[in-house]
Amino acid sequence: EAGMKTLQQIAVPLKQTSLTGISGTANEITTRLTTKQLRLKELEGIVREQVTNRQIAGLLPIVIELLSLKPDRPEVQKLKERLEKRAADLLEARDAAFKRGVQQLSEQQYAEVLTTLNTVSEEVWDLQLQELETKASDLLHQLNILRDNIASTISDNQFVHLLPVVEECLALNPRQSDLVKLKQDLLARETRLNADN
């Protein structure tokens, strides 16, 4: 604002004059300052509105731009520090959730992986998390389809080709006690049939 007031004092015929050591004429500098002043007011409005509505997701880049235009703002500097801490905390939580999700996936706990990943804020999702979620979802879907096929086959009393399906399902998750027992029953049934033959 002080720069604008100073430039307004320049006589009109001199506003197009270039001086050595100064980049741009008075008119060009006035245009740049006007643009920056308008952007500053716009950013202040955005920050005020988002803070009032507690919508702080994605606010950090706006606050950084605001400070680049007007750095002598202690309250905005404090807001920036709080937003940076929040961003660091979100990243730390994301990394911990990813590590926990990878561990759960290795333990074939697919639903737990999805539950863990759902705790991560959308602001910090990345390709790694997306890939882990896709992999866990696919394996859980595959497991559920196999279990549905097994249930359907049992209800139709079609035990002949059931053992390979049960083994495939147990390969996805060996901690399914009902299928472990079913596998034992099917092996015993197969042994009896072989003995009868």
Protein backbone atom coordinates (compact mmCIF):
# COMPACT_ATOMS: atom_id res chain seq x y z
CA GLU A 1 0.00 0.00 0.00
CA ALA A 2 2.86 2.38 0.80
CA GLY A 3 4.42 1.58 -2.58
CA MET A 4 1.13 2.34 -4.32
CA LYS A 5 0.83 5.71 -2.54
CA THR A 6 4.41 6.61 -3.44
CA LEU A 7 3.88 5.71 -7.12
CA GLN A 8 0.72 7.83 -7.25
CA GLN A 9 2.84 10.90 -6.48
CA ILE A 10 4.79 10.49 -9.73
CA ALA A 11 3.75 12.92 -12.44
CA VAL A 12 1.74 11.32 -15.26
CA PRO A 13 4.27 12.08 -18.04
CA LEU A 14 7.03 10.30 -16.02
CA LYS A 15 5.03 7.11 -15.36
CA GLN A 16 6.19 5.59 -18.68
CA THR A 17 9.84 6.55 -18.17
CA SER A 18 12.38 3.80 -17.48
CA LEU A 19 15.18 4.51 -15.04
CA THR A 20 18.48 2.69 -14.87
CA GLY A 21 18.66 0.25 -11.95
CA ILE A 22 14.87 -0.13 -11.75
CA SER A 23 13.08 -2.94 -13.53
CA GLY A 24 9.97 -1.53 -15.16
CA THR A 25 8.27 1.81 -15.45
CA ALA A 26 6.10 3.33 -12.73
CA ASN A 27 2.99 2.05 -14.56
CA GLU A 28 4.38 -1.51 -14.75
CA ILE A 29 5.36 -1.48 -11.07
CA THR A 30 1.91 -0.09 -10.17
CA THR A 31 0.28 -2.95 -12.11
CA ARG A 32 2.45 -5.53 -10.32
CA LEU A 33 1.70 -4.02 -6.92
CA THR A 34 -2.04 -3.88 -7.67
CA THR A 35 -2.01 -7.56 -8.71
CA LYS A 36 -0.13 -8.54 -5.55
CA GLN A 37 -2.44 -6.45 -3.37
CA LEU A 38 -5.54 -8.06 -4.89
CA ARG A 39 -4.02 -11.53 -4.43
CA LEU A 40 -3.14 -10.67 -0.82
CA LYS A 41 -6.73 -9.65 -0.05
CA GLU A 42 -8.03 -12.79 -1.78
CA LEU A 43 -5.69 -15.03 0.24
CA GLU A 44 -6.61 -13.29 3.49
CA GLY A 45 -10.29 -13.92 2.73
CA ILE A 46 -9.67 -17.60 1.95
CA VAL A 47 -7.62 -18.12 5.13
CA ARG A 48 -10.15 -16.30 7.29
CA GLU A 49 -13.06 -18.30 5.84
CA GLN A 50 -11.34 -21.68 6.08
CA VAL A 51 -10.12 -21.10 9.64
CA THR A 52 -13.59 -19.92 10.69
CA ASN A 53 -15.18 -23.03 9.12
CA ARG A 54 -12.37 -25.26 10.46
CA GLN A 55 -11.53 -26.41 6.93
CA ILE A 56 -7.78 -26.55 7.31
CA ALA A 57 -7.11 -29.30 4.78
CA GLY A 58 -4.98 -27.84 2.00
CA LEU A 59 -4.58 -24.50 3.78
CA LEU A 60 -0.78 -24.65 4.25
CA PRO A 61 0.19 -23.68 0.65
CA ILE A 62 -2.22 -20.73 0.81
CA VAL A 63 -0.73 -19.56 4.12
CA ILE A 64 2.80 -19.88 2.71
CA GLU A 65 1.82 -17.77 -0.33
CA LEU A 66 0.17 -15.23 1.98
CA LEU A 67 3.38 -14.94 4.04
CA SER A 68 5.46 -14.56 0.87
CA LEU A 69 3.35 -11.52 -0.03
CA LYS A 70 3.25 -10.07 3.49
CA PRO A 71 5.76 -11.72 5.85
CA ASP A 72 5.28 -9.43 8.86
CA ARG A 73 2.18 -11.22 10.15
CA PRO A 74 2.86 -13.01 13.49
CA GLU A 75 -0.64 -14.55 13.66
CA VAL A 76 -0.27 -16.00 10.14
CA GLN A 77 3.23 -17.23 11.03
CA LYS A 78 1.77 -19.06 14.07
CA LEU A 79 -0.94 -20.56 11.85
CA LYS A 80 1.73 -21.72 9.41
CA GLU A 81 3.67 -23.41 12.23
CA ARG A 82 0.52 -25.17 13.48
CA LEU A 83 -0.34 -26.31 9.94
CA GLU A 84 3.21 -27.58 9.38
CA LYS A 85 3.06 -29.56 12.64
CA ARG A 86 -0.33 -30.96 11.64
CA ALA A 87 1.04 -31.97 8.22
CA ALA A 88 4.04 -33.67 9.86
CA ASP A 89 1.72 -35.52 12.27
CA LEU A 90 -0.49 -36.67 9.38
CA LEU A 91 2.53 -37.96 7.47
CA GLU A 92 3.80 -39.76 10.56
CA ALA A 93 0.38 -41.37 11.09
CA ARG A 94 0.25 -42.35 7.40
CA ASP A 95 3.67 -43.98 7.53
CA ALA A 96 2.77 -45.87 10.72
CA ALA A 97 -0.51 -47.05 9.18
CA PHE A 98 1.30 -48.17 6.03
CA LYS A 99 3.83 -50.14 8.07
CA ARG A 100 1.04 -51.72 10.15
CA GLY A 101 -0.96 -52.46 6.96
CA VAL A 102 2.01 -54.20 5.33
CA GLN A 103 2.44 -56.31 8.47
CA GLN A 104 -1.26 -57.20 8.50
CA LEU A 105 -1.13 -58.11 4.80
CA SER A 106 1.81 -60.43 5.43
CA GLU A 107 -0.29 -62.04 8.18
CA GLN A 108 -3.16 -62.40 5.67
CA GLN A 109 -5.47 -60.10 7.65
CA TYR A 110 -7.01 -58.35 4.65
CA ALA A 111 -10.03 -56.74 6.34
CA GLU A 112 -7.74 -55.39 9.09
CA VAL A 113 -5.49 -53.81 6.44
CA LEU A 114 -8.47 -51.90 5.04
CA THR A 115 -9.55 -50.83 8.53
CA THR A 116 -6.03 -49.57 9.28
CA LEU A 117 -5.81 -47.64 6.00
CA ASN A 118 -9.19 -46.02 6.64
CA THR A 119 -7.61 -44.20 9.61
CA VAL A 120 -5.30 -42.25 7.26
CA SER A 121 -6.41 -38.75 6.26
CA GLU A 122 -7.16 -38.36 2.55
CA GLU A 123 -4.83 -35.34 2.49
CA VAL A 124 -1.74 -37.54 2.76
CA TRP A 125 -2.76 -40.58 0.71
CA ASP A 126 -0.14 -41.60 -1.78
CA LEU A 127 0.44 -44.27 -4.42
CA GLN A 128 1.92 -46.72 -1.87
CA LEU A 129 -1.21 -46.61 0.26
CA GLN A 130 -3.45 -46.91 -2.81
CA GLU A 131 -1.55 -49.98 -4.02
CA LEU A 132 -1.71 -51.59 -0.57
CA GLU A 133 -5.45 -50.92 -0.35
CA THR A 134 -6.02 -52.36 -3.84
CA LYS A 135 -4.02 -55.49 -3.04
CA ALA A 136 -5.82 -56.08 0.27
CA SER A 137 -9.24 -55.43 -1.33
CA ASP A 138 -8.52 -57.85 -4.18
CA LEU A 139 -7.34 -60.60 -1.83
CA LEU A 140 -10.31 -60.10 0.50
CA HIS A 141 -12.68 -60.21 -2.48
CA GLN A 142 -11.02 -63.38 -3.77
CA LEU A 143 -11.27 -64.96 -0.29
CA ASN A 144 -14.97 -64.08 -0.01
CA ILE A 145 -15.73 -65.50 -3.48
CA LEU A 146 -14.01 -68.77 -2.58
CA ARG A 147 -15.91 -68.98 0.71
CA ASP A 148 -19.20 -68.35 -1.13
CA ASN A 149 -18.33 -71.09 -3.64
CA ILE A 150 -17.52 -73.49 -0.82
CA ALA A 151 -20.80 -72.72 0.97
CA SER A 152 -22.76 -73.14 -2.26
CA THR A 153 -21.03 -76.45 -3.06
CA ILE A 154 -21.69 -77.79 0.44
CA SER A 155 -25.37 -76.82 0.29
CA ASP A 156 -25.63 -78.72 -3.04
CA ASN A 157 -23.85 -81.76 -1.51
CA GLN A 158 -21.21 -81.66 -4.25
CA PHE A 159 -18.07 -82.75 -2.38
CA VAL A 160 -16.18 -84.30 -5.31
CA HIS A 161 -14.06 -81.29 -6.41
CA LEU A 162 -14.33 -79.28 -3.20
CA LEU A 163 -10.92 -80.07 -1.66
CA PRO A 164 -8.81 -77.97 -4.12
CA VAL A 165 -11.13 -74.97 -3.57
CA VAL A 166 -10.83 -75.33 0.21
CA GLU A 167 -7.04 -75.57 -0.06
CA GLU A 168 -6.93 -72.47 -2.28
CA CYS A 169 -9.03 -70.59 0.26
CA LEU A 170 -6.80 -71.75 3.12
CA ALA A 171 -3.75 -70.61 1.14
CA LEU A 172 -5.20 -67.08 1.23
CA ASN A 173 -5.84 -67.34 4.97
CA PRO A 174 -4.88 -70.47 6.93
CA ARG A 175 -6.57 -69.23 10.12
CA GLN A 176 -10.07 -70.24 9.06
CA SER A 177 -10.87 -72.94 11.60
CA ASP A 178 -14.11 -73.96 9.88
CA LEU A 179 -12.23 -74.62 6.63
CA VAL A 180 -9.40 -76.43 8.43
CA LYS A 181 -12.02 -78.81 9.86
CA LEU A 182 -13.74 -79.10 6.47
CA LYS A 183 -10.41 -79.98 4.85
CA GLN A 184 -9.83 -82.71 7.44
CA ASP A 185 -13.36 -84.06 6.86
CA LEU A 186 -12.85 -84.03 3.07
CA LEU A 187 -9.51 -85.84 3.40
CA ALA A 188 -11.12 -88.44 5.68
CA ARG A 189 -14.00 -88.80 3.20
CA GLU A 190 -11.53 -89.25 0.34
CA THR A 191 -9.64 -91.89 2.35
CA ARG A 192 -12.89 -93.78 3.03
CA LEU A 193 -13.88 -93.65 -0.64
CA ASN A 194 -10.47 -94.94 -1.69
CA ALA A 195 -10.71 -97.75 0.86
CA ASP A 196 -14.18 -98.66 -0.39
CA ASN A 197 -12.97 -98.67 -3.99
